[in-house]
Amino acid sequence: MPSISRDEVAHLAKLARLAVTDEELDLFAGQLDVILQSVASVGDIATADIPPTSHAVPLTNVFREDVVRPSLGQQQALSGAPDAEDGRFRVPRILGEEA
């Protein structure tokens, strides 16, 4: 006997706007019962000695330090561009954008 009733399955089906037959109500009640039992069994695991974690494996920061280094100036960067305008790279218009 499933712990979830046919009426509860019918109510869930109505909320989800699903049309289900009487046979499907019985089938779904059994399937939902198995799912609910599986979820409930997770609570039976002894977790008192396991600390809470956000990841299964330890994470370390893999980023480098943010250090200011010499780089190209605006004019140097634009010097190799096929086309530039107002200190920016000029590229073809896309997606039919208006000017």
N, C-alpha and C. Protein backbone atom coordinates (compact mmCIF):
# COMPACT_ATOMS: atom_id res chain seq x y z
N MET A 1 0.86 -1.19 0.00
CA MET A 1 0.00 0.00 0.00
C MET A 1 0.89 1.23 0.00
N PRO A 2 0.77 2.05 -1.00
CA PRO A 2 1.60 3.25 -1.05
C PRO A 2 1.23 4.24 0.04
N SER A 3 2.22 5.00 0.51
CA SER A 3 1.94 5.99 1.54
C SER A 3 1.36 7.27 0.94
N ILE A 4 1.39 7.38 -0.37
CA ILE A 4 0.75 8.49 -1.05
C ILE A 4 -0.53 7.96 -1.69
N SER A 5 -1.63 8.62 -1.44
CA SER A 5 -2.92 8.09 -1.89
C SER A 5 -3.21 8.47 -3.34
N ARG A 6 -4.18 7.77 -3.90
CA ARG A 6 -4.62 8.08 -5.27
C ARG A 6 -5.17 9.50 -5.33
N ASP A 7 -5.86 9.92 -4.25
CA ASP A 7 -6.42 11.28 -4.21
C ASP A 7 -5.30 12.33 -4.24
N GLU A 8 -4.21 12.05 -3.53
CA GLU A 8 -3.08 12.98 -3.54
C GLU A 8 -2.43 13.03 -4.92
N VAL A 9 -2.32 11.89 -5.58
CA VAL A 9 -1.76 11.85 -6.93
C VAL A 9 -2.69 12.59 -7.89
N ALA A 10 -3.99 12.39 -7.74
CA ALA A 10 -4.96 13.09 -8.59
C ALA A 10 -4.86 14.60 -8.37
N HIS A 11 -4.68 15.01 -7.11
CA HIS A 11 -4.54 16.43 -6.81
C HIS A 11 -3.26 17.00 -7.45
N LEU A 12 -2.16 16.27 -7.34
CA LEU A 12 -0.91 16.71 -7.96
C LEU A 12 -1.06 16.80 -9.48
N ALA A 13 -1.74 15.82 -10.06
CA ALA A 13 -1.95 15.83 -11.51
C ALA A 13 -2.80 17.04 -11.92
N LYS A 14 -3.79 17.36 -11.10
CA LYS A 14 -4.63 18.52 -11.40
C LYS A 14 -3.82 19.81 -11.31
N LEU A 15 -2.95 19.91 -10.30
CA LEU A 15 -2.11 21.10 -10.16
C LEU A 15 -1.15 21.24 -11.34
N ALA A 16 -0.67 20.10 -11.85
CA ALA A 16 0.25 20.11 -12.99
C ALA A 16 -0.49 20.13 -14.32
N ARG A 17 -1.80 20.15 -14.24
CA ARG A 17 -2.66 20.15 -15.43
C ARG A 17 -2.37 18.94 -16.33
N LEU A 18 -2.29 17.77 -15.67
CA LEU A 18 -2.07 16.51 -16.39
C LEU A 18 -3.36 15.71 -16.38
N ALA A 19 -3.72 15.16 -17.50
CA ALA A 19 -4.88 14.27 -17.57
C ALA A 19 -4.37 12.84 -17.37
N VAL A 20 -4.81 12.20 -16.31
CA VAL A 20 -4.36 10.83 -16.03
C VAL A 20 -5.56 9.91 -15.87
N THR A 21 -5.36 8.67 -16.25
CA THR A 21 -6.42 7.66 -16.12
C THR A 21 -6.35 7.04 -14.74
N ASP A 22 -7.37 6.23 -14.40
CA ASP A 22 -7.39 5.54 -13.11
C ASP A 22 -6.20 4.58 -12.98
N GLU A 23 -5.85 3.91 -14.09
CA GLU A 23 -4.72 2.99 -14.05
C GLU A 23 -3.42 3.76 -13.79
N GLU A 24 -3.31 4.94 -14.42
CA GLU A 24 -2.11 5.75 -14.22
C GLU A 24 -2.02 6.27 -12.79
N LEU A 25 -3.17 6.57 -12.17
CA LEU A 25 -3.16 7.01 -10.77
C LEU A 25 -2.55 5.94 -9.88
N ASP A 26 -2.93 4.68 -10.10
CA ASP A 26 -2.36 3.59 -9.31
C ASP A 26 -0.87 3.44 -9.58
N LEU A 27 -0.49 3.50 -10.85
CA LEU A 27 0.92 3.37 -11.23
C LEU A 27 1.75 4.49 -10.64
N PHE A 28 1.27 5.72 -10.79
CA PHE A 28 2.02 6.87 -10.29
C PHE A 28 2.10 6.88 -8.77
N ALA A 29 1.04 6.43 -8.11
CA ALA A 29 1.07 6.37 -6.64
C ALA A 29 2.18 5.45 -6.18
N GLY A 30 2.32 4.28 -6.82
CA GLY A 30 3.40 3.36 -6.46
C GLY A 30 4.77 3.94 -6.76
N GLN A 31 4.92 4.58 -7.91
CA GLN A 31 6.21 5.16 -8.29
C GLN A 31 6.59 6.32 -7.37
N LEU A 32 5.63 7.17 -7.07
CA LEU A 32 5.91 8.29 -6.16
C LEU A 32 6.24 7.80 -4.76
N ASP A 33 5.62 6.70 -4.34
CA ASP A 33 5.93 6.13 -3.04
C ASP A 33 7.38 5.67 -2.99
N VAL A 34 7.86 5.02 -4.04
CA VAL A 34 9.26 4.59 -4.11
C VAL A 34 10.19 5.80 -4.05
N ILE A 35 9.85 6.84 -4.77
CA ILE A 35 10.67 8.06 -4.77
C ILE A 35 10.70 8.67 -3.37
N LEU A 36 9.55 8.79 -2.74
CA LEU A 36 9.49 9.39 -1.40
C LEU A 36 10.26 8.56 -0.38
N GLN A 37 10.19 7.23 -0.48
CA GLN A 37 10.95 6.37 0.43
C GLN A 37 12.45 6.53 0.20
N SER A 38 12.85 6.66 -1.05
CA SER A 38 14.28 6.85 -1.36
C SER A 38 14.78 8.16 -0.79
N VAL A 39 14.01 9.20 -0.94
CA VAL A 39 14.40 10.51 -0.40
C VAL A 39 14.44 10.45 1.12
N ALA A 40 13.49 9.78 1.73
CA ALA A 40 13.45 9.68 3.18
C ALA A 40 14.64 8.88 3.72
N SER A 41 15.13 7.92 2.94
CA SER A 41 16.25 7.10 3.41
C SER A 41 17.54 7.92 3.51
N VAL A 42 17.63 9.02 2.80
CA VAL A 42 18.80 9.88 2.91
C VAL A 42 18.91 10.43 4.32
N GLY A 43 17.80 10.70 4.94
CA GLY A 43 17.79 11.21 6.32
C GLY A 43 18.25 10.20 7.34
N ASP A 44 18.29 8.92 6.98
CA ASP A 44 18.71 7.87 7.92
C ASP A 44 20.23 7.74 8.01
N ILE A 45 20.97 8.43 7.15
CA ILE A 45 22.42 8.33 7.15
C ILE A 45 22.98 9.05 8.36
N ALA A 46 23.94 8.41 9.04
CA ALA A 46 24.56 9.01 10.21
C ALA A 46 25.53 10.10 9.77
N THR A 47 25.14 11.33 9.97
CA THR A 47 25.97 12.45 9.50
C THR A 47 26.50 13.30 10.64
N ALA A 48 26.37 12.84 11.86
CA ALA A 48 26.80 13.64 13.01
C ALA A 48 28.30 13.92 12.97
N ASP A 49 29.08 12.97 12.48
CA ASP A 49 30.53 13.13 12.48
C ASP A 49 31.08 13.67 11.16
N ILE A 50 30.20 14.04 10.23
CA ILE A 50 30.63 14.56 8.93
C ILE A 50 30.38 16.06 8.90
N PRO A 51 31.44 16.85 8.72
CA PRO A 51 31.23 18.31 8.70
C PRO A 51 30.54 18.74 7.42
N PRO A 52 29.75 19.81 7.48
CA PRO A 52 29.08 20.30 6.27
C PRO A 52 30.11 20.83 5.28
N THR A 53 29.88 20.57 4.01
CA THR A 53 30.79 21.05 2.97
C THR A 53 29.99 21.59 1.81
N SER A 54 30.62 22.44 1.03
CA SER A 54 29.96 22.94 -0.17
C SER A 54 30.43 22.20 -1.40
N HIS A 55 31.57 21.47 -1.28
CA HIS A 55 32.11 20.70 -2.39
C HIS A 55 32.61 19.35 -1.87
N ALA A 56 32.60 18.37 -2.75
CA ALA A 56 33.04 17.04 -2.35
C ALA A 56 34.55 16.96 -2.18
N VAL A 57 35.29 17.79 -2.89
CA VAL A 57 36.74 17.80 -2.78
C VAL A 57 37.20 19.19 -2.35
N PRO A 58 38.31 19.28 -1.63
CA PRO A 58 38.78 20.60 -1.21
C PRO A 58 39.17 21.46 -2.42
N LEU A 59 38.89 22.74 -2.32
CA LEU A 59 39.22 23.67 -3.39
C LEU A 59 40.33 24.60 -2.93
N THR A 60 41.19 24.95 -3.86
CA THR A 60 42.21 25.95 -3.56
C THR A 60 42.11 27.04 -4.61
N ASN A 61 42.52 28.23 -4.24
CA ASN A 61 42.47 29.35 -5.16
C ASN A 61 43.55 29.15 -6.22
N VAL A 62 43.15 29.10 -7.47
CA VAL A 62 44.09 28.87 -8.55
C VAL A 62 44.42 30.15 -9.30
N PHE A 63 43.94 31.28 -8.82
CA PHE A 63 44.19 32.54 -9.49
C PHE A 63 45.52 33.12 -9.05
N ARG A 64 46.16 33.82 -9.95
CA ARG A 64 47.41 34.48 -9.62
C ARG A 64 47.10 35.80 -8.93
N GLU A 65 48.09 36.35 -8.30
CA GLU A 65 47.94 37.66 -7.69
C GLU A 65 47.68 38.70 -8.78
N ASP A 66 46.90 39.69 -8.48
CA ASP A 66 46.61 40.75 -9.43
C ASP A 66 47.71 41.79 -9.32
N VAL A 67 48.64 41.74 -10.26
CA VAL A 67 49.81 42.63 -10.23
C VAL A 67 49.78 43.50 -11.49
N VAL A 68 49.99 44.80 -11.30
CA VAL A 68 50.03 45.72 -12.43
C VAL A 68 51.34 45.51 -13.17
N ARG A 69 51.26 45.31 -14.50
CA ARG A 69 52.44 45.13 -15.32
C ARG A 69 52.34 46.05 -16.53
N PRO A 70 53.45 46.31 -17.16
CA PRO A 70 53.39 47.14 -18.36
C PRO A 70 52.56 46.46 -19.45
N SER A 71 51.81 47.27 -20.18
CA SER A 71 50.97 46.73 -21.25
C SER A 71 50.95 47.73 -22.40
N LEU A 72 50.24 47.38 -23.44
CA LEU A 72 50.13 48.26 -24.60
C LEU A 72 49.31 49.50 -24.26
N GLY A 73 49.71 50.60 -24.78
CA GLY A 73 48.91 51.82 -24.67
C GLY A 73 47.82 51.78 -25.74
N GLN A 74 46.90 52.74 -25.66
CA GLN A 74 45.79 52.77 -26.60
C GLN A 74 46.28 52.89 -28.04
N GLN A 75 47.20 53.79 -28.29
CA GLN A 75 47.69 53.99 -29.65
C GLN A 75 48.44 52.77 -30.16
N GLN A 76 49.20 52.10 -29.30
CA GLN A 76 49.92 50.90 -29.72
C GLN A 76 48.94 49.78 -30.08
N ALA A 77 47.89 49.62 -29.28
CA ALA A 77 46.91 48.57 -29.54
C ALA A 77 46.17 48.83 -30.85
N LEU A 78 45.82 50.10 -31.09
CA LEU A 78 45.07 50.45 -32.29
C LEU A 78 45.94 50.51 -33.54
N SER A 79 47.27 50.53 -33.36
CA SER A 79 48.15 50.69 -34.52
C SER A 79 48.06 49.50 -35.48
N GLY A 80 47.72 48.32 -35.01
CA GLY A 80 47.61 47.15 -35.89
C GLY A 80 46.20 46.87 -36.35
N ALA A 81 45.25 47.73 -35.96
CA ALA A 81 43.86 47.51 -36.32
C ALA A 81 43.60 47.90 -37.77
N PRO A 82 42.76 47.15 -38.48
CA PRO A 82 42.43 47.53 -39.85
C PRO A 82 41.69 48.86 -39.91
N ASP A 83 40.91 49.18 -38.88
CA ASP A 83 40.16 50.43 -38.86
C ASP A 83 39.92 50.83 -37.41
N ALA A 84 40.08 52.11 -37.11
CA ALA A 84 39.85 52.63 -35.76
C ALA A 84 39.12 53.95 -35.88
N GLU A 85 38.34 54.27 -34.82
CA GLU A 85 37.59 55.53 -34.81
C GLU A 85 37.39 55.96 -33.37
N ASP A 86 37.68 57.20 -33.06
CA ASP A 86 37.51 57.76 -31.71
C ASP A 86 38.21 56.93 -30.64
N GLY A 87 39.40 56.42 -30.95
CA GLY A 87 40.17 55.67 -29.97
C GLY A 87 39.65 54.26 -29.71
N ARG A 88 38.84 53.73 -30.62
CA ARG A 88 38.29 52.38 -30.46
C ARG A 88 38.44 51.61 -31.76
N PHE A 89 38.37 50.29 -31.66
CA PHE A 89 38.37 49.47 -32.86
C PHE A 89 37.05 49.68 -33.58
N ARG A 90 37.11 49.84 -34.89
CA ARG A 90 35.89 49.98 -35.69
C ARG A 90 35.64 48.63 -36.35
N VAL A 91 34.42 48.11 -36.14
CA VAL A 91 34.06 46.80 -36.69
C VAL A 91 32.77 46.95 -37.49
N PRO A 92 32.51 46.02 -38.41
CA PRO A 92 31.28 46.10 -39.19
C PRO A 92 30.04 45.99 -38.31
N ARG A 93 29.01 46.69 -38.71
CA ARG A 93 27.74 46.64 -37.99
C ARG A 93 27.14 45.24 -38.16
N ILE A 94 26.49 44.73 -37.12
CA ILE A 94 25.86 43.40 -37.18
C ILE A 94 24.41 43.50 -36.72
N LEU A 95 23.67 42.51 -37.05
CA LEU A 95 22.27 42.36 -36.61
C LEU A 95 21.37 43.52 -37.02
N GLY A 96 21.72 44.24 -38.06
CA GLY A 96 20.85 45.30 -38.56
C GLY A 96 20.60 46.41 -37.59
N GLU A 97 21.58 46.70 -36.71
CA GLU A 97 21.40 47.75 -35.71
C GLU A 97 21.33 49.11 -36.38
N GLU A 98 20.53 49.97 -35.80
CA GLU A 98 20.40 51.35 -36.29
C GLU A 98 21.60 52.15 -35.82
N ALA A 99 21.93 53.19 -36.54
CA ALA A 99 23.07 54.05 -36.19
C ALA A 99 22.75 54.89 -34.98
